[in-house]
């Protein structure tokens, strides 16, 4: 898990995990967890004397959220405003192509399948040719395309969550060592 060094106004240095922000204003001093919502952990003082304890509580909250909540992902859920068709996000078509050695045309949907940590794949769902294209085949192919996209999104979510939890495992071990050293 990514960490960074933060220096608070009292001059104290802290190593802070991604997902926790320092808030220092006239009325508030503490650490804020920003992972699937926010939660503030106040220092309880304006001079920063409680910063170490509030960071420990914020880190514990972050670890609990990572362990129990799905990872936040940025996949586009709704179609772009400028998309001219009513198709769901990640699905384009029907795309009409002419075969290389024929004058016969075929129609298909193109489905973008996201993969966590890798380049998205593109799948083609066949609808039909000029001779057998029907509204029923269109609906059937669209249902298959939607199912492919939903399955890819679910796998992406699962993979992102697992990667986040694996990254947090190292931080969790470091927190345990820190607690043992200060006890």
N, C-alpha and C. Protein backbone atom coordinates (compact mmCIF):
# COMPACT_ATOMS: atom_id res chain seq x y z
N UNK A 1 0.84 -1.16 0.00
CA UNK A 1 0.00 0.00 0.00
C UNK A 1 0.89 1.23 0.00
N UNK A 2 0.51 2.23 -0.75
CA UNK A 2 1.30 3.44 -0.83
C UNK A 2 1.23 4.22 0.48
N UNK A 3 2.36 4.79 0.86
CA UNK A 3 2.42 5.64 2.04
C UNK A 3 3.18 6.91 1.67
N UNK A 4 3.01 7.93 2.48
CA UNK A 4 3.73 9.17 2.27
C UNK A 4 4.06 9.76 3.63
N UNK A 5 5.02 10.67 3.65
CA UNK A 5 5.40 11.33 4.89
C UNK A 5 4.61 12.62 5.01
N UNK A 6 4.06 12.86 6.21
CA UNK A 6 3.30 14.07 6.49
C UNK A 6 3.92 14.74 7.70
N UNK A 7 4.12 16.05 7.59
CA UNK A 7 4.63 16.84 8.70
C UNK A 7 3.48 17.71 9.19
N UNK A 8 3.14 17.58 10.47
CA UNK A 8 2.04 18.39 11.01
C UNK A 8 2.60 19.71 11.53
N UNK A 9 1.75 20.70 11.81
CA UNK A 9 2.24 22.02 12.24
C UNK A 9 3.16 22.01 13.46
N UNK A 10 3.05 21.01 14.33
CA UNK A 10 3.94 20.95 15.50
C UNK A 10 5.35 20.50 15.12
N UNK A 11 5.53 20.05 13.85
CA UNK A 11 6.84 19.61 13.38
C UNK A 11 7.03 18.11 13.41
N UNK A 12 6.07 17.39 13.96
CA UNK A 12 6.15 15.93 14.01
C UNK A 12 5.98 15.32 12.63
N UNK A 13 6.74 14.27 12.36
CA UNK A 13 6.68 13.56 11.07
C UNK A 13 5.91 12.25 11.25
N UNK A 14 5.06 11.94 10.26
CA UNK A 14 4.29 10.70 10.28
C UNK A 14 4.33 10.04 8.92
N UNK A 15 4.35 8.72 8.90
CA UNK A 15 4.20 7.97 7.66
C UNK A 15 2.73 7.57 7.59
N UNK A 16 2.05 8.06 6.55
CA UNK A 16 0.60 7.94 6.46
C UNK A 16 0.22 7.12 5.24
N UNK A 17 -0.65 6.12 5.41
CA UNK A 17 -1.09 5.31 4.26
C UNK A 17 -2.05 6.08 3.35
N UNK A 18 -2.08 5.66 2.10
CA UNK A 18 -3.03 6.21 1.14
C UNK A 18 -4.43 5.94 1.67
N UNK A 19 -5.29 6.93 1.61
CA UNK A 19 -6.65 6.78 2.12
C UNK A 19 -6.86 7.53 3.41
N UNK A 20 -5.78 8.12 3.96
CA UNK A 20 -5.88 8.94 5.17
C UNK A 20 -5.29 10.31 4.86
N UNK A 21 -6.02 11.35 5.19
CA UNK A 21 -5.58 12.73 4.95
C UNK A 21 -5.46 13.46 6.28
N UNK A 22 -4.54 14.39 6.35
CA UNK A 22 -4.38 15.24 7.53
C UNK A 22 -5.24 16.48 7.35
N UNK A 23 -6.00 16.83 8.37
CA UNK A 23 -6.82 18.04 8.36
C UNK A 23 -6.31 18.93 9.49
N UNK A 24 -5.84 20.11 9.13
CA UNK A 24 -5.42 21.12 10.11
C UNK A 24 -6.03 22.45 9.71
N UNK A 25 -7.04 22.87 10.46
CA UNK A 25 -7.66 24.17 10.23
C UNK A 25 -7.76 24.86 11.58
N UNK A 26 -8.39 26.03 11.62
CA UNK A 26 -8.51 26.75 12.90
C UNK A 26 -9.24 25.93 13.95
N UNK A 27 -10.27 25.21 13.52
CA UNK A 27 -11.12 24.51 14.48
C UNK A 27 -10.93 23.00 14.51
N UNK A 28 -10.22 22.43 13.55
CA UNK A 28 -10.11 20.97 13.46
C UNK A 28 -8.66 20.55 13.24
N UNK A 29 -8.27 19.56 14.02
CA UNK A 29 -6.94 18.97 13.86
C UNK A 29 -7.10 17.46 14.02
N UNK A 30 -6.76 16.73 12.97
CA UNK A 30 -6.89 15.28 13.04
C UNK A 30 -6.65 14.62 11.70
N UNK A 31 -7.00 13.34 11.65
CA UNK A 31 -6.80 12.53 10.46
C UNK A 31 -8.17 12.10 9.94
N UNK A 32 -8.34 12.16 8.64
CA UNK A 32 -9.61 11.78 8.03
C UNK A 32 -9.41 10.57 7.13
N UNK A 33 -10.20 9.52 7.38
CA UNK A 33 -10.18 8.33 6.53
C UNK A 33 -11.07 8.62 5.33
N UNK A 34 -10.56 8.37 4.14
CA UNK A 34 -11.31 8.57 2.90
C UNK A 34 -11.27 7.28 2.09
N UNK A 35 -12.17 6.39 2.43
CA UNK A 35 -12.28 5.12 1.72
C UNK A 35 -13.72 4.69 1.83
N UNK A 36 -14.45 4.73 0.72
CA UNK A 36 -15.88 4.40 0.72
C UNK A 36 -16.60 5.22 1.79
N UNK A 37 -16.38 6.52 1.76
CA UNK A 37 -16.96 7.44 2.74
C UNK A 37 -15.84 8.06 3.56
N UNK A 38 -16.20 8.97 4.43
CA UNK A 38 -15.18 9.64 5.24
C UNK A 38 -15.51 9.51 6.72
N UNK A 39 -14.46 9.58 7.54
CA UNK A 39 -14.62 9.59 8.99
C UNK A 39 -13.42 10.33 9.57
N UNK A 40 -13.71 11.26 10.46
CA UNK A 40 -12.67 12.10 11.06
C UNK A 40 -12.24 11.54 12.41
N UNK A 41 -10.92 11.56 12.67
CA UNK A 41 -10.35 11.15 13.94
C UNK A 41 -9.57 12.34 14.49
N UNK A 42 -10.16 13.02 15.45
CA UNK A 42 -9.60 14.25 16.00
C UNK A 42 -8.42 13.95 16.92
N UNK A 43 -7.45 14.88 16.92
CA UNK A 43 -6.31 14.77 17.83
C UNK A 43 -6.74 15.01 19.27
N UNK A 44 -7.81 15.78 19.46
CA UNK A 44 -8.26 16.12 20.80
C UNK A 44 -7.50 17.29 21.38
N UNK A 45 -6.60 17.87 20.60
CA UNK A 45 -5.84 19.05 21.05
C UNK A 45 -5.42 19.85 19.83
N UNK A 46 -5.14 21.12 20.07
CA UNK A 46 -4.72 21.97 18.94
C UNK A 46 -3.23 21.94 18.71
N UNK A 47 -2.47 21.44 19.66
CA UNK A 47 -1.01 21.43 19.51
C UNK A 47 -0.48 20.15 18.87
N UNK A 48 -1.36 19.21 18.50
CA UNK A 48 -0.93 18.00 17.81
C UNK A 48 -0.44 16.90 18.72
N UNK A 49 -0.64 17.04 20.04
CA UNK A 49 -0.13 16.02 20.96
C UNK A 49 -0.88 14.70 20.82
N UNK A 50 -2.11 14.72 20.34
CA UNK A 50 -2.86 13.48 20.18
C UNK A 50 -2.80 12.92 18.77
N UNK A 51 -1.92 13.45 17.93
CA UNK A 51 -1.87 13.05 16.51
C UNK A 51 -1.48 11.59 16.34
N UNK A 52 -0.56 11.10 17.15
CA UNK A 52 -0.11 9.72 17.01
C UNK A 52 -1.24 8.75 17.30
N UNK A 53 -1.99 9.00 18.37
CA UNK A 53 -3.10 8.12 18.74
C UNK A 53 -4.24 8.21 17.72
N UNK A 54 -4.54 9.41 17.25
CA UNK A 54 -5.63 9.55 16.27
C UNK A 54 -5.24 8.93 14.93
N UNK A 55 -3.97 8.98 14.57
CA UNK A 55 -3.52 8.31 13.34
C UNK A 55 -3.65 6.79 13.49
N UNK A 56 -3.34 6.28 14.67
CA UNK A 56 -3.48 4.83 14.91
C UNK A 56 -4.94 4.42 14.79
N UNK A 57 -5.87 5.22 15.34
CA UNK A 57 -7.30 4.91 15.23
C UNK A 57 -7.77 5.02 13.78
N UNK A 58 -7.28 6.02 13.06
CA UNK A 58 -7.66 6.20 11.65
C UNK A 58 -7.13 5.04 10.80
N UNK A 59 -5.91 4.60 11.08
CA UNK A 59 -5.33 3.48 10.34
C UNK A 59 -6.10 2.20 10.61
N UNK A 60 -6.50 1.98 11.86
CA UNK A 60 -7.30 0.80 12.19
C UNK A 60 -8.65 0.84 11.46
N UNK A 61 -9.26 2.01 11.39
CA UNK A 61 -10.52 2.16 10.66
C UNK A 61 -10.33 1.89 9.17
N UNK A 62 -9.24 2.41 8.61
CA UNK A 62 -8.95 2.17 7.20
C UNK A 62 -8.77 0.68 6.93
N UNK A 63 -8.03 -0.01 7.79
CA UNK A 63 -7.80 -1.45 7.62
C UNK A 63 -9.13 -2.22 7.71
N UNK A 64 -10.00 -1.81 8.63
CA UNK A 64 -11.31 -2.46 8.77
C UNK A 64 -12.14 -2.25 7.50
N UNK A 65 -12.12 -1.04 6.96
CA UNK A 65 -12.88 -0.76 5.74
C UNK A 65 -12.34 -1.54 4.55
N UNK A 66 -11.03 -1.62 4.43
CA UNK A 66 -10.44 -2.37 3.32
C UNK A 66 -10.80 -3.85 3.43
N UNK A 67 -10.82 -4.37 4.66
CA UNK A 67 -11.10 -5.79 4.87
C UNK A 67 -12.57 -6.14 4.61
N UNK A 68 -13.47 -5.18 4.78
CA UNK A 68 -14.89 -5.51 4.70
C UNK A 68 -15.63 -4.90 3.52
N UNK A 69 -15.12 -3.83 2.94
CA UNK A 69 -15.82 -3.15 1.86
C UNK A 69 -15.15 -3.42 0.51
N UNK A 70 -15.91 -3.39 -0.57
CA UNK A 70 -15.28 -3.54 -1.89
C UNK A 70 -14.42 -2.31 -2.21
N UNK A 71 -13.40 -2.53 -3.01
CA UNK A 71 -12.52 -1.44 -3.41
C UNK A 71 -13.28 -0.45 -4.28
N UNK A 72 -13.00 0.84 -4.12
CA UNK A 72 -13.65 1.81 -5.00
C UNK A 72 -13.05 1.69 -6.41
N UNK A 73 -13.91 1.60 -7.39
CA UNK A 73 -13.44 1.49 -8.78
C UNK A 73 -14.03 2.63 -9.59
N UNK A 74 -13.39 2.91 -10.70
CA UNK A 74 -13.79 4.05 -11.52
C UNK A 74 -14.34 3.64 -12.87
N UNK A 75 -14.87 2.44 -12.96
CA UNK A 75 -15.47 2.03 -14.23
C UNK A 75 -16.70 2.88 -14.51
N UNK A 76 -16.88 3.23 -15.76
CA UNK A 76 -18.02 4.05 -16.13
C UNK A 76 -19.29 3.20 -16.07
N UNK A 77 -20.26 3.62 -15.28
CA UNK A 77 -21.49 2.85 -15.08
C UNK A 77 -22.58 3.24 -16.08
N UNK A 78 -22.63 4.50 -16.46
CA UNK A 78 -23.68 4.97 -17.38
C UNK A 78 -23.03 5.40 -18.69
N UNK A 79 -23.77 5.34 -19.79
CA UNK A 79 -23.21 5.78 -21.07
C UNK A 79 -22.87 7.27 -21.04
N UNK A 80 -21.92 7.67 -21.87
CA UNK A 80 -21.57 9.09 -22.01
C UNK A 80 -22.78 9.86 -22.51
N UNK A 81 -22.83 11.12 -22.18
CA UNK A 81 -23.95 11.96 -22.59
C UNK A 81 -24.01 12.11 -24.11
N UNK A 82 -22.86 12.03 -24.78
CA UNK A 82 -22.84 12.22 -26.24
C UNK A 82 -23.06 10.91 -27.02
N UNK A 83 -23.25 9.79 -26.30
CA UNK A 83 -23.49 8.52 -26.98
C UNK A 83 -24.86 8.58 -27.66
N UNK A 84 -24.90 8.24 -28.94
CA UNK A 84 -26.13 8.40 -29.71
C UNK A 84 -27.09 7.22 -29.61
N UNK A 85 -26.62 6.08 -29.11
CA UNK A 85 -27.51 4.93 -28.98
C UNK A 85 -27.92 4.77 -27.52
N UNK A 86 -28.90 3.95 -27.28
CA UNK A 86 -29.38 3.69 -25.92
C UNK A 86 -28.70 2.48 -25.30
N UNK A 87 -27.63 2.02 -25.91
CA UNK A 87 -26.92 0.84 -25.41
C UNK A 87 -26.18 1.17 -24.11
N UNK A 88 -26.01 0.18 -23.24
CA UNK A 88 -25.29 0.41 -21.98
C UNK A 88 -23.82 0.76 -22.22
N UNK A 89 -23.20 1.26 -21.18
CA UNK A 89 -21.79 1.61 -21.24
C UNK A 89 -20.95 0.38 -21.57
N UNK A 90 -19.98 0.55 -22.47
CA UNK A 90 -19.08 -0.54 -22.84
C UNK A 90 -19.57 -1.40 -23.98
N UNK A 91 -20.76 -1.10 -24.51
CA UNK A 91 -21.31 -1.88 -25.62
C UNK A 91 -21.58 -0.95 -26.79
N UNK A 92 -21.07 -1.31 -27.96
CA UNK A 92 -21.27 -0.52 -29.18
C UNK A 92 -21.89 -1.40 -30.25
N UNK A 93 -22.67 -0.77 -31.11
CA UNK A 93 -23.21 -1.54 -32.23
C UNK A 93 -24.63 -1.14 -32.56
N UNK A 94 -25.26 -1.87 -33.42
CA UNK A 94 -24.66 -2.96 -34.17
C UNK A 94 -23.64 -2.45 -35.18
N UNK A 95 -22.57 -3.19 -35.31
CA UNK A 95 -21.50 -2.88 -36.26
C UNK A 95 -21.70 -3.78 -37.46
N UNK A 96 -21.82 -3.17 -38.64
CA UNK A 96 -22.04 -3.94 -39.87
C UNK A 96 -20.72 -4.03 -40.61
N UNK A 97 -20.33 -5.27 -40.95
CA UNK A 97 -19.08 -5.51 -41.67
C UNK A 97 -19.37 -6.36 -42.90
N UNK A 98 -18.54 -6.17 -43.92
CA UNK A 98 -18.61 -7.00 -45.11
C UNK A 98 -17.46 -7.99 -45.06
N UNK A 99 -17.77 -9.25 -45.28
CA UNK A 99 -16.73 -10.28 -45.24
C UNK A 99 -15.74 -10.07 -46.38
N UNK A 100 -14.52 -10.51 -46.18
CA UNK A 100 -13.43 -10.26 -47.13
C UNK A 100 -13.70 -10.82 -48.53
N UNK A 101 -14.07 -12.05 -48.65
CA UNK A 101 -14.24 -12.67 -49.97
C UNK A 101 -15.71 -12.83 -50.34
N UNK A 102 -16.54 -11.93 -49.86
CA UNK A 102 -17.97 -12.06 -50.09
C UNK A 102 -18.61 -10.67 -50.08
N UNK A 103 -19.77 -10.60 -50.62
CA UNK A 103 -20.50 -9.33 -50.54
C UNK A 103 -21.54 -9.39 -49.42
N UNK A 104 -21.53 -10.49 -48.66
CA UNK A 104 -22.46 -10.67 -47.54
C UNK A 104 -22.03 -9.79 -46.37
N UNK A 105 -23.00 -9.15 -45.75
CA UNK A 105 -22.72 -8.31 -44.58
C UNK A 105 -23.23 -8.99 -43.31
N UNK A 106 -22.48 -8.76 -42.21
CA UNK A 106 -22.87 -9.30 -40.91
C UNK A 106 -22.95 -8.16 -39.90
N UNK A 107 -23.75 -8.36 -38.86
CA UNK A 107 -23.90 -7.37 -37.79
C UNK A 107 -23.48 -8.00 -36.47
N UNK A 108 -22.85 -7.18 -35.62
CA UNK A 108 -22.41 -7.66 -34.31
C UNK A 108 -22.32 -6.50 -33.33
N UNK A 109 -22.24 -6.85 -32.06
CA UNK A 109 -21.98 -5.87 -31.01
C UNK A 109 -20.51 -5.98 -30.62
N UNK A 110 -19.92 -4.86 -30.25
CA UNK A 110 -18.58 -4.84 -29.71
C UNK A 110 -18.70 -4.56 -28.22
N UNK A 111 -18.07 -5.40 -27.40
CA UNK A 111 -18.18 -5.28 -25.95
C UNK A 111 -16.78 -5.07 -25.36
N UNK A 112 -16.62 -3.97 -24.63
CA UNK A 112 -15.36 -3.68 -23.95
C UNK A 112 -15.38 -4.39 -22.60
N UNK A 113 -14.41 -5.29 -22.39
CA UNK A 113 -14.34 -6.08 -21.16
C UNK A 113 -13.16 -5.61 -20.32
N UNK A 114 -13.41 -4.86 -19.24
CA UNK A 114 -12.30 -4.35 -18.43
C UNK A 114 -11.60 -5.48 -17.68
N UNK A 115 -10.29 -5.30 -17.50
CA UNK A 115 -9.48 -6.26 -16.74
C UNK A 115 -8.63 -5.47 -15.77
N UNK A 116 -8.73 -5.76 -14.50
CA UNK A 116 -7.98 -5.01 -13.50
C UNK A 116 -6.48 -5.20 -13.71
N UNK A 117 -5.75 -4.11 -13.80
CA UNK A 117 -4.31 -4.16 -13.95
C UNK A 117 -3.83 -4.52 -15.34
N UNK A 118 -4.74 -4.59 -16.30
CA UNK A 118 -4.37 -4.96 -17.67
C UNK A 118 -5.21 -4.16 -18.65
N UNK A 119 -4.82 -4.22 -19.90
CA UNK A 119 -5.56 -3.55 -20.96
C UNK A 119 -6.91 -4.24 -21.16
N UNK A 120 -7.99 -3.48 -21.32
CA UNK A 120 -9.29 -4.12 -21.54
C UNK A 120 -9.29 -4.95 -22.82
N UNK A 121 -10.07 -6.02 -22.81
CA UNK A 121 -10.26 -6.83 -24.01
C UNK A 121 -11.51 -6.36 -24.72
N UNK A 122 -11.60 -6.70 -25.98
CA UNK A 122 -12.78 -6.38 -26.76
C UNK A 122 -13.35 -7.69 -27.29
N UNK A 123 -14.62 -7.92 -27.03
CA UNK A 123 -15.28 -9.14 -27.51
C UNK A 123 -16.34 -8.75 -28.54
N UNK A 124 -16.62 -9.66 -29.46
CA UNK A 124 -17.63 -9.44 -30.48
C UNK A 124 -18.76 -10.44 -30.26
N UNK A 125 -19.99 -9.92 -30.25
CA UNK A 125 -21.16 -10.78 -30.11
C UNK A 125 -21.92 -10.71 -31.43
N UNK A 126 -21.98 -11.83 -32.11
CA UNK A 126 -22.61 -11.93 -33.43
C UNK A 126 -24.13 -11.78 -33.31
N UNK A 127 -24.70 -10.96 -34.19
CA UNK A 127 -26.16 -10.80 -34.24
C UNK A 127 -26.73 -11.62 -35.39
N UNK A 128 -26.23 -11.36 -36.58
CA UNK A 128 -26.72 -12.08 -37.74
C UNK A 128 -26.21 -11.48 -39.03
N UNK A 129 -26.58 -12.13 -40.15
CA UNK A 129 -26.23 -11.62 -41.48
C UNK A 129 -27.47 -10.97 -42.09
N UNK A 130 -27.32 -10.49 -43.32
CA UNK A 130 -28.45 -9.86 -44.01
C UNK A 130 -29.63 -10.81 -44.15
N UNK A 131 -29.34 -12.08 -44.26
CA UNK A 131 -30.42 -13.05 -44.50
C UNK A 131 -31.12 -13.52 -43.23
N UNK A 132 -30.46 -13.44 -42.07
CA UNK A 132 -31.09 -13.97 -40.87
C UNK A 132 -31.18 -12.96 -39.71
N UNK A 133 -30.94 -11.71 -39.96
CA UNK A 133 -31.02 -10.66 -38.93
C UNK A 133 -32.49 -10.41 -38.59
N UNK A 134 -32.84 -10.55 -37.30
CA UNK A 134 -34.21 -10.31 -36.86
C UNK A 134 -34.17 -9.52 -35.55
N UNK A 135 -35.25 -8.86 -35.19
CA UNK A 135 -35.30 -8.18 -33.88
C UNK A 135 -35.07 -9.14 -32.71
N UNK A 136 -35.55 -10.36 -32.83
CA UNK A 136 -35.35 -11.35 -31.76
C UNK A 136 -33.86 -11.68 -31.61
N UNK A 137 -33.15 -11.85 -32.72
CA UNK A 137 -31.71 -12.14 -32.66
C UNK A 137 -30.95 -10.95 -32.10
N UNK A 138 -31.39 -9.72 -32.44
CA UNK A 138 -30.80 -8.50 -31.91
C UNK A 138 -30.92 -8.50 -30.39
N UNK A 139 -32.12 -8.74 -29.85
CA UNK A 139 -32.35 -8.74 -28.41
C UNK A 139 -31.54 -9.83 -27.72
N UNK A 140 -31.47 -11.00 -28.35
CA UNK A 140 -30.71 -12.12 -27.80
C UNK A 140 -29.21 -11.78 -27.72
N UNK A 141 -28.69 -11.20 -28.79
CA UNK A 141 -27.27 -10.82 -28.82
C UNK A 141 -26.99 -9.69 -27.82
N UNK A 142 -27.92 -8.75 -27.70
CA UNK A 142 -27.74 -7.65 -26.74
C UNK A 142 -27.73 -8.20 -25.31
N UNK A 143 -28.61 -9.13 -25.01
CA UNK A 143 -28.63 -9.74 -23.68
C UNK A 143 -27.30 -10.45 -23.39
N UNK A 144 -26.75 -11.12 -24.37
CA UNK A 144 -25.46 -11.80 -24.20
C UNK A 144 -24.34 -10.78 -23.99
N UNK A 145 -24.36 -9.68 -24.75
CA UNK A 145 -23.35 -8.63 -24.61
C UNK A 145 -23.42 -7.99 -23.22
N UNK A 146 -24.63 -7.73 -22.75
CA UNK A 146 -24.80 -7.15 -21.42
C UNK A 146 -24.30 -8.11 -20.35
N UNK A 147 -24.59 -9.40 -20.50
CA UNK A 147 -24.12 -10.40 -19.54
C UNK A 147 -22.59 -10.48 -19.52
N UNK A 148 -21.96 -10.42 -20.69
CA UNK A 148 -20.50 -10.43 -20.77
C UNK A 148 -19.90 -9.23 -20.04
N UNK A 149 -20.47 -8.06 -20.28
CA UNK A 149 -19.98 -6.82 -19.66
C UNK A 149 -20.16 -6.88 -18.14
N UNK A 150 -21.33 -7.31 -17.68
CA UNK A 150 -21.58 -7.39 -16.23
C UNK A 150 -20.62 -8.38 -15.56
N UNK A 151 -20.37 -9.51 -16.19
CA UNK A 151 -19.44 -10.49 -15.63
C UNK A 151 -18.03 -9.91 -15.55
N UNK A 152 -17.61 -9.18 -16.59
CA UNK A 152 -16.28 -8.56 -16.59
C UNK A 152 -16.18 -7.48 -15.51
N UNK A 153 -17.25 -6.70 -15.33
CA UNK A 153 -17.26 -5.67 -14.28
C UNK A 153 -17.17 -6.31 -12.90
N UNK A 154 -17.90 -7.40 -12.68
CA UNK A 154 -17.87 -8.09 -11.39
C UNK A 154 -16.48 -8.65 -11.11
N UNK A 155 -15.84 -9.25 -12.12
CA UNK A 155 -14.49 -9.79 -11.94
C UNK A 155 -13.50 -8.65 -11.68
N UNK A 156 -13.67 -7.53 -12.38
CA UNK A 156 -12.82 -6.35 -12.17
C UNK A 156 -12.94 -5.90 -10.71
N UNK A 157 -14.18 -5.79 -10.21
CA UNK A 157 -14.42 -5.37 -8.83
C UNK A 157 -13.75 -6.33 -7.85
N UNK A 158 -13.92 -7.64 -8.07
CA UNK A 158 -13.32 -8.64 -7.19
C UNK A 158 -11.80 -8.56 -7.21
N UNK A 159 -11.22 -8.43 -8.40
CA UNK A 159 -9.77 -8.34 -8.53
C UNK A 159 -9.22 -7.07 -7.88
N UNK A 160 -9.92 -5.95 -8.05
CA UNK A 160 -9.49 -4.68 -7.44
C UNK A 160 -9.55 -4.78 -5.92
N UNK A 161 -10.60 -5.38 -5.40
CA UNK A 161 -10.75 -5.54 -3.95
C UNK A 161 -9.65 -6.44 -3.40
N UNK A 162 -9.37 -7.54 -4.08
CA UNK A 162 -8.32 -8.46 -3.63
C UNK A 162 -6.96 -7.78 -3.66
N UNK A 163 -6.68 -7.01 -4.71
CA UNK A 163 -5.39 -6.30 -4.81
C UNK A 163 -5.25 -5.28 -3.68
N UNK A 164 -6.33 -4.57 -3.37
CA UNK A 164 -6.30 -3.58 -2.29
C UNK A 164 -6.05 -4.27 -0.95
N UNK A 165 -6.70 -5.40 -0.73
CA UNK A 165 -6.53 -6.13 0.53
C UNK A 165 -5.12 -6.71 0.65
N UNK A 166 -4.57 -7.19 -0.45
CA UNK A 166 -3.20 -7.70 -0.42
C UNK A 166 -2.21 -6.58 -0.12
N UNK A 167 -2.44 -5.40 -0.71
CA UNK A 167 -1.56 -4.26 -0.45
C UNK A 167 -1.66 -3.81 1.00
N UNK A 168 -2.85 -3.91 1.57
CA UNK A 168 -3.05 -3.48 2.96
C UNK A 168 -2.47 -4.47 3.95
N UNK A 169 -2.25 -5.70 3.52
CA UNK A 169 -1.72 -6.72 4.41
C UNK A 169 -0.35 -6.31 4.97
N UNK A 170 0.50 -5.77 4.11
CA UNK A 170 1.81 -5.31 4.55
C UNK A 170 1.70 -4.17 5.55
N UNK A 171 0.76 -3.27 5.31
CA UNK A 171 0.55 -2.16 6.23
C UNK A 171 0.00 -2.67 7.56
N UNK A 172 -0.89 -3.63 7.50
CA UNK A 172 -1.47 -4.21 8.72
C UNK A 172 -0.37 -4.82 9.59
N UNK A 173 0.58 -5.52 8.95
CA UNK A 173 1.69 -6.12 9.70
C UNK A 173 2.56 -5.04 10.34
N UNK A 174 2.79 -3.95 9.60
CA UNK A 174 3.60 -2.86 10.14
C UNK A 174 2.90 -2.19 11.33
N UNK A 175 1.58 -2.07 11.25
CA UNK A 175 0.81 -1.48 12.36
C UNK A 175 0.92 -2.37 13.60
N UNK A 176 0.82 -3.69 13.41
CA UNK A 176 0.95 -4.63 14.53
C UNK A 176 2.34 -4.51 15.19
N UNK A 177 3.38 -4.40 14.35
CA UNK A 177 4.73 -4.26 14.89
C UNK A 177 4.86 -2.96 15.68
N UNK A 178 4.26 -1.89 15.17
CA UNK A 178 4.31 -0.60 15.84
C UNK A 178 3.59 -0.66 17.17
N UNK A 179 2.43 -1.32 17.20
CA UNK A 179 1.68 -1.45 18.47
C UNK A 179 2.49 -2.26 19.47
N UNK A 180 3.13 -3.32 19.01
CA UNK A 180 3.93 -4.16 19.91
C UNK A 180 5.13 -3.39 20.45
N UNK A 181 5.71 -2.53 19.65
CA UNK A 181 6.89 -1.77 20.06
C UNK A 181 6.52 -0.69 21.06
N UNK A 182 5.32 -0.11 20.93
CA UNK A 182 4.92 0.97 21.84
C UNK A 182 4.22 0.46 23.10
N UNK A 183 3.91 -0.84 23.13
CA UNK A 183 3.19 -1.41 24.30
C UNK A 183 4.14 -1.73 25.42
